[in-house]
Amino acid sequence: MADARLHVIDRNGRRVVAIDKSPFTIGRGAESDLRLAGGEVSRDHAEIVRDGDRFVLRDRGSRYGTFVGDEMVTERPLVEGDRIRLGRSSAIELVFLQEAEAGEPTRESLVEAVRQTAALLEGLRALGAGHLLNDVLVLVLDAAIAVSGADRGFILLASADGRLESTLGRGRGRLPLAGDAVISTRIPDEVFATGEPRILTDVVDEAAAAHGATIALGIRQALCVPLRVTRFMELDEAAPEPTRIGVLYLDTREPGSGLLSDAVRFGVETLATEAAVAIENARLYREAVERARVDQELRVAADVQAALRPPTHYQTAAFELAAASRASRSIGGDFFHYLELPGGAFAFALGDVAGKGPPAAVLAAAVEGMFAAYSESGREPADTLGRVNATLSRHFAAEHYATMMLGILQNEGRLTYSNAGHNWPMLFGGGTSVRRLNVGGFPLGLFPDSRYEQDTLQLEPGDLLVLFSDGVSETTAADGAYFGDEGIVACMAEARDRRPEALLQQLLSALDAFRGGGLPDDDVTCVILAVAG
């Protein structure tokens, strides 16, 4: 009778342990012949008993059970290649091995070959090369073909929508296969859907109707195994179910080859276990590199966006202005801008572009530039908004719209403004009076023929004009309540005697307190202009 061993795979790595006594005990206790550490391993978990020519696995009343494959067992004769799990977790796996007949490749020798391949995969993961994922796939397929003797090998990975896509194909002798290399998708799709290996011993003898496409390619034998990884989110959580990320498919046109021997199947399945981890890590590495690149680009874009803004404080003998803008992401779709016009007038605007992130920021920069260009040419606010609207309507889809409040202030305090669908600015006069500036028209970019009205009013010494985006009024508390216009009015009423910069900081602090900390859900932008008293 051949000697028996256990190929042990646990957090300490891989090793082979001889079953050199009967009973051979397995558990967490110090007295066990094979001592294993794990949350689901009992002190006295299981034993293997030699019964004549057989080896029998017995559970010893363990808390989480003993499994062979996916079947919980209390007593089970073991056969070559049986995979034993202690508990539901796949963190520890034991593979039952026996000596093969002379001349056959042993499972142990294939395990060693796979172990060496796994070491190569580990080293490749550490390279940090630009084509890391492709390098891993090439190494996996070349190793699988070498272990199995197959003619061809393919790795098909799941796309974002859960469909298998042929990612790479290789031939015997490390031959790259063209991207249009043909395989039947029936077998890979079945394996990916069920998570069970699929074996075709001789396709010609199988039902022709079921595998007609495979027969047409001249394939006689095929082996397809799932690629599975276990994604642990928390160290102390119960082991989650493995996730299928794709399949490893091998085939040959040679009938009766060794592709489907037990030893080969074991080697390929073990390789698939190692390969799935390597592929997942390589893919995560590539995604991390891409995220880092995007983050760096966003940081640069945020720096550029900040550099394009005018200073947050501006003061003349007639008035003083303070402004602030906080993006909910790296860059935002809110903007404020102001500039001195010929003749001593002062133009200012606050806008909000629909959406968030880079697309909104690009459109905001475009609208901001149009405001500056049209205002410097001496146009009235309503005319400027009409031209901006026509440009946006002509070049952008309707979902890319913007709102904007635009005002021109003369030295003597006369303000002409127009409001394109923006939150109504508040003009705080003497006492408790509050006036909303609501003359204007539709948001910019929705209707190409929109016309805008404007209004003119005289600002008095001590007047306070507050412009804000909806990220201010729609700041939300934990109970779902909005800060609202009422919050702005209350905040301004508390400190009317302060300068604009102090008022602005008071408002921002009130928003943070109302929100209860954390980042805002929307861009927050505010401009406060105080007329000298």
Protein backbone atom coordinates (compact mmCIF):
# COMPACT_ATOMS: atom_id res chain seq x y z
CA MET A 1 0.00 0.00 0.00
CA ALA A 2 1.38 3.43 -0.94
CA ASP A 3 2.40 5.89 1.71
CA ALA A 4 0.05 8.80 2.28
CA ARG A 5 0.69 12.47 2.91
CA LEU A 6 -1.18 15.71 3.36
CA HIS A 7 -0.27 18.75 1.32
CA VAL A 8 -1.03 21.53 3.82
CA ILE A 9 -1.95 25.04 2.67
CA ASP A 10 -2.46 27.56 5.48
CA ARG A 11 -1.33 31.01 6.58
CA ASN A 12 2.14 29.64 7.28
CA GLY A 13 2.58 28.67 3.64
CA ARG A 14 2.75 25.21 2.07
CA ARG A 15 4.24 22.00 3.36
CA VAL A 16 3.86 18.24 3.00
CA VAL A 17 3.18 16.18 6.14
CA ALA A 18 3.47 12.38 6.18
CA ILE A 19 0.58 10.39 7.65
CA ASP A 20 2.95 8.17 9.61
CA LYS A 21 0.64 6.77 12.31
CA SER A 22 -2.92 5.63 12.85
CA PRO A 23 -4.93 7.39 14.03
CA PHE A 24 -3.33 10.61 12.71
CA THR A 25 -4.98 13.48 14.62
CA ILE A 26 -5.62 16.98 13.34
CA GLY A 27 -6.60 20.00 15.42
CA ARG A 28 -5.66 23.14 17.25
CA GLY A 29 -4.48 21.39 20.41
CA ALA A 30 -0.81 20.88 21.21
CA GLU A 31 -1.34 17.11 21.33
CA SER A 32 -2.46 16.91 17.68
CA ASP A 33 -0.19 15.17 15.16
CA LEU A 34 -0.96 17.99 12.73
CA ARG A 35 -1.46 21.21 14.63
CA LEU A 36 -3.26 23.99 12.77
CA ALA A 37 -4.23 27.49 13.89
CA GLY A 38 -7.55 28.89 12.72
CA GLY A 39 -10.76 30.41 14.02
CA GLU A 40 -12.83 27.43 12.85
CA VAL A 41 -10.37 24.67 13.83
CA SER A 42 -11.37 22.79 17.01
CA ARG A 43 -8.78 21.57 19.51
CA ASP A 44 -9.52 17.95 18.56
CA HIS A 45 -11.01 18.41 15.11
CA ALA A 46 -10.50 15.29 12.95
CA GLU A 47 -8.41 12.18 12.44
CA ILE A 48 -7.23 9.97 9.60
CA VAL A 49 -7.28 6.24 10.32
CA ARG A 50 -5.61 3.54 8.24
CA ASP A 51 -8.06 0.73 7.54
CA GLY A 52 -6.27 -1.99 5.59
CA ASP A 53 -5.62 -0.53 2.16
CA ARG A 54 -7.71 2.56 2.84
CA PHE A 55 -7.32 5.82 4.69
CA VAL A 56 -10.50 7.05 6.37
CA LEU A 57 -11.18 10.63 7.48
CA ARG A 58 -13.32 11.03 10.62
CA ASP A 59 -14.68 14.15 12.23
CA ARG A 60 -14.18 14.17 16.03
CA GLY A 61 -17.19 16.30 16.97
CA SER A 62 -15.72 19.57 15.72
CA ARG A 63 -17.71 22.75 16.15
CA TYR A 64 -17.64 23.93 12.51
CA GLY A 65 -17.44 20.58 10.73
CA THR A 66 -15.06 18.74 8.44
CA PHE A 67 -15.50 19.00 4.68
CA VAL A 68 -14.26 17.05 1.68
CA GLY A 69 -14.78 19.36 -1.25
CA ASP A 70 -18.02 21.15 -0.42
CA GLU A 71 -19.56 18.16 1.42
CA MET A 72 -19.62 18.04 5.21
CA VAL A 73 -18.60 14.56 6.38
CA THR A 74 -18.44 12.62 9.63
CA GLU A 75 -16.57 9.65 8.10
CA ARG A 76 -15.27 9.32 4.59
CA PRO A 77 -12.71 7.08 2.81
CA LEU A 78 -10.12 9.29 1.17
CA VAL A 79 -9.02 9.07 -2.45
CA GLU A 80 -6.10 10.67 -4.21
CA GLY A 81 -6.54 14.42 -4.53
CA ASP A 82 -9.37 14.86 -1.99
CA ARG A 83 -9.43 18.42 -0.66
CA ILE A 84 -10.14 18.61 3.05
CA ARG A 85 -11.32 21.77 4.81
CA LEU A 86 -11.65 22.26 8.55
CA GLY A 87 -14.69 24.48 8.99
CA ARG A 88 -16.39 26.61 6.37
CA SER A 89 -13.42 28.84 5.67
CA SER A 90 -11.04 28.15 2.80
CA ALA A 91 -8.13 29.65 4.76
CA ILE A 92 -6.81 26.13 5.49
CA GLU A 93 -6.83 23.34 2.92
CA LEU A 94 -5.43 19.83 3.12
CA VAL A 95 -4.91 17.75 -0.01
CA PHE A 96 -4.69 13.97 0.41
CA LEU A 97 -1.77 12.49 -1.59
CA GLN A 98 -0.51 9.00 -2.29
CA GLU A 99 2.42 7.67 -4.32
CA ALA A 100 1.51 7.14 -7.97
CA GLU A 101 2.54 4.22 -10.11
CA ALA A 102 6.04 4.38 -11.57
CA GLY A 103 6.32 6.65 -14.57
CA GLU A 104 3.24 8.77 -13.73
CA PRO A 105 3.62 12.39 -12.73
CA THR A 106 2.81 12.58 -9.04
CA ARG A 107 0.54 15.18 -7.57
CA GLU A 108 3.31 16.10 -5.21
CA SER A 109 5.69 16.80 -8.11
CA LEU A 110 3.02 18.90 -9.77
CA VAL A 111 2.40 20.72 -6.50
CA GLU A 112 6.11 21.54 -6.41
CA ALA A 113 5.99 22.78 -10.00
CA VAL A 114 3.00 24.94 -9.17
CA ARG A 115 4.71 26.15 -6.00
CA GLN A 116 7.64 27.33 -8.07
CA THR A 117 5.28 29.06 -10.46
CA ALA A 118 3.56 30.68 -7.49
CA ALA A 119 6.93 32.03 -6.34
CA LEU A 120 7.46 33.49 -9.79
CA LEU A 121 4.01 35.07 -9.66
CA GLU A 122 4.81 36.58 -6.28
CA GLY A 123 8.02 38.03 -7.65
CA LEU A 124 6.26 39.39 -10.70
CA ARG A 125 3.69 41.12 -8.52
CA ALA A 126 6.53 43.03 -6.88
CA LEU A 127 7.99 44.35 -10.13
CA GLY A 128 5.60 47.23 -10.54
CA ALA A 129 5.91 47.05 -14.34
CA GLY A 130 3.51 49.02 -16.51
CA HIS A 131 2.12 45.84 -18.10
CA LEU A 132 1.98 43.89 -14.85
CA LEU A 133 -1.39 42.21 -15.43
CA ASN A 134 -0.45 41.01 -18.90
CA ASP A 135 2.86 39.65 -17.57
CA VAL A 136 0.99 37.66 -14.92
CA LEU A 137 -1.44 36.24 -17.49
CA VAL A 138 1.40 35.17 -19.78
CA LEU A 139 3.21 33.43 -16.92
CA VAL A 140 0.06 31.65 -15.77
CA LEU A 141 -0.85 30.36 -19.23
CA ASP A 142 2.67 29.22 -20.08
CA ALA A 143 2.85 27.35 -16.75
CA ALA A 144 -0.59 25.77 -17.26
CA ILE A 145 0.30 24.56 -20.77
CA ALA A 146 3.62 23.20 -19.54
CA VAL A 147 2.00 21.35 -16.62
CA SER A 148 -0.88 19.94 -18.68
CA GLY A 149 0.66 19.34 -22.09
CA ALA A 150 -2.25 21.20 -23.72
CA ASP A 151 -1.99 22.70 -27.21
CA ARG A 152 -3.59 26.01 -26.24
CA GLY A 153 -4.58 27.95 -23.18
CA PHE A 154 -6.85 30.93 -22.62
CA ILE A 155 -7.70 33.14 -19.67
CA LEU A 156 -11.11 34.77 -19.78
CA LEU A 157 -11.79 37.42 -17.15
CA ALA A 158 -15.10 38.88 -16.07
CA SER A 159 -15.89 42.39 -17.27
CA ALA A 160 -17.56 45.05 -15.12
CA ASP A 161 -21.00 43.81 -16.20
CA GLY A 162 -20.18 40.19 -15.29
CA ARG A 163 -19.61 38.80 -18.79
CA LEU A 164 -16.55 36.74 -19.70
CA GLU A 165 -14.11 38.37 -22.09
CA SER A 166 -11.18 36.59 -23.73
CA THR A 167 -8.19 38.36 -22.21
CA LEU A 168 -5.19 36.36 -23.44
CA GLY A 169 -4.40 33.21 -25.42
CA ARG A 170 -1.15 31.25 -25.61
CA GLY A 171 0.01 28.18 -27.48
CA ARG A 172 2.49 25.42 -26.77
CA GLY A 173 6.09 26.61 -26.85
CA ARG A 174 5.16 30.03 -25.39
CA LEU A 175 3.54 31.00 -28.66
CA PRO A 176 1.32 34.10 -28.48
CA LEU A 177 -2.10 33.58 -30.05
CA ALA A 178 -3.71 36.34 -32.06
CA GLY A 179 -6.56 38.23 -30.53
CA ASP A 180 -8.98 36.60 -32.97
CA ALA A 181 -8.06 33.03 -31.90
CA VAL A 182 -11.31 31.06 -31.78
CA ILE A 183 -12.68 29.03 -28.91
CA SER A 184 -16.19 27.91 -28.10
CA THR A 185 -17.57 29.97 -25.22
CA ARG A 186 -20.03 27.29 -24.09
CA ILE A 187 -17.66 25.53 -21.71
CA PRO A 188 -16.09 28.69 -20.17
CA ASP A 189 -19.55 30.20 -19.66
CA GLU A 190 -20.76 27.04 -17.88
CA VAL A 191 -17.72 26.95 -15.61
CA PHE A 192 -17.98 30.65 -14.76
CA ALA A 193 -21.71 30.36 -14.02
CA THR A 194 -21.47 27.24 -11.84
CA GLY A 195 -17.98 27.58 -10.34
CA GLU A 196 -17.37 23.90 -11.08
CA PRO A 197 -14.49 22.57 -13.25
CA ARG A 198 -15.60 21.21 -16.65
CA ILE A 199 -13.84 18.28 -18.29
CA LEU A 200 -14.35 16.92 -21.79
CA THR A 201 -12.66 13.56 -22.14
CA ASP A 202 -13.27 13.11 -25.86
CA VAL A 203 -15.41 15.71 -27.56
CA VAL A 204 -16.19 13.52 -30.55
CA ASP A 205 -17.78 10.97 -28.23
CA GLU A 206 -19.78 13.63 -26.40
CA ALA A 207 -23.17 14.84 -27.59
CA ALA A 208 -22.46 16.57 -30.88
CA ALA A 209 -25.36 18.96 -30.45
CA ALA A 210 -23.97 20.22 -27.15
CA HIS A 211 -20.44 20.87 -28.38
CA GLY A 212 -20.78 21.38 -32.11
CA ALA A 213 -18.66 24.54 -32.12
CA THR A 214 -15.86 22.81 -30.21
CA ILE A 215 -15.93 19.80 -32.56
CA ALA A 216 -15.78 22.15 -35.54
CA LEU A 217 -12.49 23.51 -34.22
CA GLY A 218 -11.02 20.00 -34.08
CA ILE A 219 -10.79 19.99 -30.27
CA ARG A 220 -10.76 16.48 -28.74
CA GLN A 221 -10.10 17.23 -25.06
CA ALA A 222 -10.67 20.31 -22.93
CA LEU A 223 -10.27 21.31 -19.32
CA CYS A 224 -11.70 24.49 -17.84
CA VAL A 225 -11.40 25.57 -14.20
CA PRO A 226 -12.73 28.66 -12.42
CA LEU A 227 -10.49 31.44 -11.12
CA ARG A 228 -11.69 32.31 -7.61
CA VAL A 229 -10.50 34.74 -4.95
CA THR A 230 -11.69 35.38 -1.42
CA ARG A 231 -11.94 39.09 -0.69
CA PHE A 232 -11.57 39.75 3.03
CA MET A 233 -12.83 43.21 3.95
CA GLU A 234 -12.27 42.95 7.70
CA LEU A 235 -9.75 40.81 9.55
CA ASP A 236 -12.25 39.55 12.10
CA GLU A 237 -15.20 38.88 9.83
CA ALA A 238 -16.35 35.39 8.87
CA ALA A 239 -14.76 34.13 5.67
CA PRO A 240 -16.83 35.36 2.71
CA GLU A 241 -17.74 33.20 -0.24
CA PRO A 242 -15.05 33.12 -2.96
CA THR A 243 -15.67 35.43 -5.89
CA ARG A 244 -15.27 34.12 -9.44
CA ILE A 245 -13.16 36.50 -11.51
CA GLY A 246 -12.81 34.36 -14.65
CA VAL A 247 -11.75 30.95 -15.97
CA LEU A 248 -8.64 29.15 -17.16
CA TYR A 249 -9.34 27.11 -20.29
CA LEU A 250 -7.03 24.49 -21.89
CA ASP A 251 -7.62 22.27 -24.91
CA THR A 252 -5.86 19.91 -27.30
CA ARG A 253 -6.54 18.26 -30.64
CA GLU A 254 -4.78 15.07 -29.57
CA PRO A 255 -7.13 12.26 -28.43
CA GLY A 256 -6.03 10.25 -25.43
CA SER A 257 -3.40 12.74 -24.26
CA GLY A 258 -2.53 13.20 -20.60
CA LEU A 259 -4.43 16.48 -20.39
CA LEU A 260 -7.23 14.94 -18.37
CA SER A 261 -5.30 12.68 -15.98
CA ASP A 262 -5.99 13.10 -12.29
CA ALA A 263 -2.48 14.39 -11.69
CA VAL A 264 -2.76 17.03 -14.42
CA ARG A 265 -6.19 18.15 -13.26
CA PHE A 266 -4.87 18.55 -9.74
CA GLY A 267 -1.87 20.58 -10.98
CA VAL A 268 -4.04 22.87 -13.12
CA GLU A 269 -6.58 23.42 -10.35
CA THR A 270 -3.83 24.23 -7.86
CA LEU A 271 -2.24 26.58 -10.38
CA ALA A 272 -5.63 28.23 -10.92
CA THR A 273 -5.86 28.92 -7.18
CA GLU A 274 -2.46 30.62 -7.21
CA ALA A 275 -3.16 32.36 -10.50
CA ALA A 276 -6.45 33.87 -9.35
CA VAL A 277 -4.72 35.62 -6.44
CA ALA A 278 -1.90 36.85 -8.69
CA ILE A 279 -4.32 38.12 -11.34
CA GLU A 280 -6.51 39.86 -8.78
CA ASN A 281 -3.50 41.50 -7.12
CA ALA A 282 -2.11 42.59 -10.47
CA ARG A 283 -5.46 44.04 -11.45
CA LEU A 284 -5.80 45.83 -8.11
CA TYR A 285 -2.26 47.16 -8.53
CA ARG A 286 -3.08 48.48 -11.98
CA GLU A 287 -6.26 50.11 -10.68
CA ALA A 288 -4.31 51.65 -7.80
CA VAL A 289 -1.73 53.07 -10.22
CA GLU A 290 -4.52 54.46 -12.39
CA ARG A 291 -6.25 55.99 -9.36
CA ALA A 292 -2.96 57.55 -8.25
CA ARG A 293 -2.49 59.01 -11.74
CA VAL A 294 -6.02 60.41 -11.77
CA ASP A 295 -5.58 61.79 -8.24
CA GLN A 296 -2.38 63.52 -9.30
CA GLU A 297 -4.09 65.00 -12.35
CA LEU A 298 -6.97 66.19 -10.16
CA ARG A 299 -4.53 67.81 -7.75
CA VAL A 300 -2.91 69.64 -10.65
CA ALA A 301 -6.34 70.63 -11.97
CA ALA A 302 -7.34 71.90 -8.51
CA ASP A 303 -4.15 73.98 -8.35
CA VAL A 304 -4.88 75.41 -11.80
CA GLN A 305 -8.49 76.13 -10.85
CA ALA A 306 -7.36 77.93 -7.69
CA ALA A 307 -4.75 79.91 -9.65
CA LEU A 308 -7.39 81.12 -12.13
CA ARG A 309 -9.59 82.52 -9.36
CA PRO A 310 -9.12 86.12 -8.33
CA PRO A 311 -7.99 86.87 -4.75
CA THR A 312 -10.60 86.09 -2.11
CA HIS A 313 -10.43 89.65 -0.77
CA TYR A 314 -10.87 92.94 -2.65
CA GLN A 315 -11.33 96.43 -1.28
CA THR A 316 -11.80 99.96 -2.60
CA ALA A 317 -12.84 103.18 -0.95
CA ALA A 318 -16.45 102.43 -1.95
CA PHE A 319 -16.83 98.78 -0.95
CA GLU A 320 -15.13 95.62 0.35
CA LEU A 321 -15.56 92.05 -0.97
CA ALA A 322 -14.73 88.63 0.49
CA ALA A 323 -15.22 85.28 -1.29
CA ALA A 324 -14.67 81.56 -0.68
CA SER A 325 -15.25 78.37 -2.64
CA ARG A 326 -15.03 74.82 -1.30
CA ALA A 327 -15.31 71.94 -3.76
CA SER A 328 -17.05 68.77 -2.56
CA ARG A 329 -14.47 66.81 -4.61
CA SER A 330 -10.94 67.65 -5.74
CA ILE A 331 -12.31 70.17 -8.22
CA GLY A 332 -15.78 71.62 -8.47
CA GLY A 333 -18.32 73.28 -10.71
CA ASP A 334 -18.84 76.47 -8.67
CA PHE A 335 -16.95 79.65 -9.45
CA PHE A 336 -16.74 83.29 -8.53
CA HIS A 337 -15.00 85.99 -10.52
CA TYR A 338 -14.66 89.76 -10.55
CA LEU A 339 -12.75 92.35 -12.53
CA GLU A 340 -12.32 96.11 -12.83
CA LEU A 341 -13.91 97.64 -15.92
CA PRO A 342 -12.84 100.74 -17.87
CA GLY A 343 -14.24 103.87 -16.29
CA GLY A 344 -14.00 102.54 -12.74
CA ALA A 345 -16.95 100.10 -12.77
CA PHE A 346 -16.63 96.72 -11.09
CA ALA A 347 -18.09 93.48 -12.54
CA PHE A 348 -18.63 90.39 -10.42
CA ALA A 349 -20.30 87.00 -10.86
CA LEU A 350 -21.03 83.78 -9.01
CA GLY A 351 -22.00 80.66 -10.93
CA ASP A 352 -22.81 76.99 -10.51
CA VAL A 353 -22.47 74.39 -13.27
CA ALA A 354 -24.64 71.27 -13.25
CA GLY A 355 -22.75 68.19 -12.09
CA LYS A 356 -19.53 67.64 -10.16
CA GLY A 357 -15.91 66.78 -10.76
CA PRO A 358 -13.79 67.37 -13.90
CA PRO A 359 -16.63 67.83 -16.47
CA ALA A 360 -18.29 70.48 -14.31
CA ALA A 361 -14.95 72.17 -13.60
CA VAL A 362 -14.12 72.42 -17.33
CA LEU A 363 -17.50 73.94 -18.10
CA ALA A 364 -17.20 76.32 -15.13
CA ALA A 365 -13.85 77.55 -16.46
CA ALA A 366 -15.44 78.12 -19.88
CA VAL A 367 -18.37 80.11 -18.44
CA GLU A 368 -16.01 82.08 -16.20
CA GLY A 369 -13.88 82.98 -19.23
CA MET A 370 -16.93 84.07 -21.24
CA PHE A 371 -18.09 86.27 -18.34
CA ALA A 372 -14.73 88.02 -18.24
CA ALA A 373 -14.46 88.43 -22.02
CA TYR A 374 -18.00 89.75 -22.58
CA SER A 375 -17.97 92.00 -19.49
CA GLU A 376 -14.68 93.66 -20.43
CA SER A 377 -16.19 94.66 -23.77
CA GLY A 378 -18.62 96.95 -21.90
CA ARG A 379 -21.82 94.96 -22.34
CA GLU A 380 -24.72 95.16 -19.93
CA PRO A 381 -25.33 92.14 -17.63
CA ALA A 382 -28.43 90.96 -19.55
CA ASP A 383 -26.56 91.13 -22.88
CA THR A 384 -23.58 89.23 -21.44
CA LEU A 385 -25.83 86.44 -20.10
CA GLY A 386 -27.59 86.20 -23.47
CA ARG A 387 -24.30 85.71 -25.28
CA VAL A 388 -23.07 83.13 -22.75
CA ASN A 389 -26.37 81.27 -23.10
CA ALA A 390 -26.15 81.23 -26.91
CA THR A 391 -22.59 79.88 -26.79
CA LEU A 392 -23.43 77.10 -24.29
CA SER A 393 -26.57 76.11 -26.21
CA ARG A 394 -24.62 75.87 -29.45
CA HIS A 395 -21.67 73.82 -28.16
CA PHE A 396 -22.99 71.76 -25.23
CA ALA A 397 -25.88 69.33 -24.64
CA ALA A 398 -28.82 70.53 -22.56
CA GLU A 399 -27.71 68.60 -19.47
CA HIS A 400 -24.55 70.76 -19.36
CA TYR A 401 -26.14 73.97 -18.11
CA ALA A 402 -25.16 76.62 -15.59
CA THR A 403 -26.72 79.21 -13.36
CA MET A 404 -25.09 82.60 -12.76
CA MET A 405 -25.68 85.88 -11.00
CA LEU A 406 -23.88 88.81 -12.70
CA GLY A 407 -23.62 92.35 -11.42
CA ILE A 408 -21.89 95.61 -12.41
CA LEU A 409 -21.33 98.13 -9.64
CA GLN A 410 -20.56 101.78 -10.40
CA ASN A 411 -18.45 103.98 -8.14
CA GLU A 412 -21.48 105.89 -6.86
CA GLY A 413 -23.12 102.64 -5.69
CA ARG A 414 -25.46 102.00 -8.62
CA LEU A 415 -25.82 98.24 -9.18
CA THR A 416 -27.12 96.70 -12.41
CA TYR A 417 -27.62 92.94 -12.29
CA SER A 418 -29.18 89.97 -14.06
CA ASN A 419 -29.80 86.52 -12.62
CA ALA A 420 -29.74 83.43 -14.89
CA GLY A 421 -31.64 80.90 -12.78
CA HIS A 422 -29.27 81.21 -9.80
CA ASN A 423 -30.13 81.29 -6.10
CA TRP A 424 -31.47 84.77 -5.41
CA PRO A 425 -28.77 86.88 -3.78
CA MET A 426 -29.77 88.71 -0.60
CA LEU A 427 -29.37 92.44 -0.14
CA PHE A 428 -29.38 93.37 3.55
CA GLY A 429 -30.30 97.02 4.08
CA GLY A 430 -30.72 99.03 7.24
CA GLY A 431 -32.52 97.36 10.11
CA THR A 432 -33.85 93.90 9.27
CA SER A 433 -34.90 94.43 5.64
CA VAL A 434 -33.83 91.75 3.12
CA ARG A 435 -34.32 92.07 -0.64
CA ARG A 436 -33.92 89.16 -3.08
CA LEU A 437 -32.36 89.94 -6.46
CA ASN A 438 -34.51 87.79 -8.75
CA VAL A 439 -34.65 89.59 -12.10
CA GLY A 440 -33.12 87.70 -15.03
CA GLY A 441 -34.16 84.54 -16.84
CA PHE A 442 -33.58 80.84 -17.38
CA PRO A 443 -30.34 78.98 -16.56
CA LEU A 444 -27.63 79.23 -19.20
CA GLY A 445 -27.50 76.57 -21.91
CA LEU A 446 -31.03 75.21 -21.70
CA PHE A 447 -32.81 77.25 -24.40
CA PRO A 448 -30.83 78.91 -27.21
CA ASP A 449 -33.30 81.77 -27.65
CA SER A 450 -33.57 82.77 -23.97
CA ARG A 451 -33.71 86.49 -23.29
CA TYR A 452 -32.61 88.05 -20.02
CA GLU A 453 -33.91 91.03 -18.10
CA GLN A 454 -31.87 93.22 -15.78
CA ASP A 455 -32.60 95.57 -12.92
CA THR A 456 -30.80 98.60 -11.49
CA LEU A 457 -30.84 99.71 -7.87
CA GLN A 458 -28.94 102.09 -5.68
CA LEU A 459 -26.86 100.62 -2.88
CA GLU A 460 -26.58 102.65 0.31
CA PRO A 461 -23.72 102.89 2.82
CA GLY A 462 -23.81 99.88 5.13
CA ASP A 463 -25.69 97.66 2.65
CA LEU A 464 -24.57 94.07 2.52
CA LEU A 465 -24.93 91.88 -0.60
CA VAL A 466 -24.63 88.11 -0.16
CA LEU A 467 -24.26 85.80 -3.21
CA PHE A 468 -24.19 82.03 -2.67
CA SER A 469 -24.48 78.70 -4.47
CA ASP A 470 -27.08 76.06 -3.62
CA GLY A 471 -24.37 74.15 -1.73
CA VAL A 472 -24.83 76.81 0.99
CA SER A 473 -28.62 76.88 1.28
CA GLU A 474 -28.96 73.11 0.74
CA THR A 475 -26.40 72.06 3.33
CA THR A 476 -28.09 69.20 5.15
CA ALA A 477 -28.11 68.31 8.84
CA ALA A 478 -28.10 64.76 10.19
CA ASP A 479 -31.91 64.85 10.53
CA GLY A 480 -32.34 65.86 6.87
CA ALA A 481 -33.14 69.53 7.53
CA TYR A 482 -31.77 72.19 5.14
CA PHE A 483 -29.73 75.18 6.26
CA GLY A 484 -31.87 77.22 3.87
CA ASP A 485 -32.08 80.94 3.18
CA GLU A 486 -33.27 81.33 6.76
CA GLY A 487 -29.91 80.06 8.04
CA ILE A 488 -28.08 82.65 5.95
CA VAL A 489 -30.35 85.46 7.20
CA ALA A 490 -29.89 84.39 10.81
CA CYS A 491 -26.12 84.17 10.42
CA MET A 492 -25.86 87.65 8.88
CA ALA A 493 -28.16 89.13 11.52
CA GLU A 494 -25.86 87.94 14.30
CA ALA A 495 -22.85 89.90 13.09
CA ARG A 496 -23.91 92.77 10.79
CA ASP A 497 -21.24 95.01 12.29
CA ARG A 498 -18.39 92.76 11.16
CA ARG A 499 -16.32 93.10 8.00
CA PRO A 500 -17.04 90.78 5.01
CA GLU A 501 -14.15 88.41 5.76
CA ALA A 502 -15.35 87.88 9.34
CA LEU A 503 -18.94 87.45 8.14
CA LEU A 504 -17.84 84.90 5.58
CA GLN A 505 -15.94 82.86 8.17
CA GLN A 506 -18.98 83.04 10.48
CA LEU A 507 -21.17 81.65 7.70
CA LEU A 508 -18.75 78.83 6.80
CA SER A 509 -18.41 77.86 10.48
CA ALA A 510 -22.19 77.83 10.84
CA LEU A 511 -22.45 75.51 7.82
CA ASP A 512 -19.86 73.11 9.29
CA ALA A 513 -21.66 73.04 12.63
CA PHE A 514 -25.06 72.52 10.97
CA ARG A 515 -23.71 69.67 8.84
CA GLY A 516 -22.10 68.05 11.87
CA GLY A 517 -18.61 67.79 10.36
CA GLY A 518 -17.39 65.86 7.34
CA LEU A 519 -17.15 66.99 3.75
CA PRO A 520 -19.99 68.89 2.05
CA ASP A 521 -22.23 67.01 -0.37
CA ASP A 522 -22.10 69.86 -2.89
CA ASP A 523 -19.72 72.66 -3.79
CA VAL A 524 -20.02 75.61 -1.40
CA THR A 525 -19.33 79.10 -2.78
CA CYS A 526 -20.17 82.48 -1.28
CA VAL A 527 -19.38 86.15 -2.01
CA ILE A 528 -20.13 88.93 0.48
CA LEU A 529 -19.91 92.58 -0.66
CA ALA A 530 -20.26 95.40 1.86
CA VAL A 531 -20.79 99.03 0.85
CA ALA A 532 -18.59 101.41 2.83
CA GLY A 533 -20.55 103.22 5.49
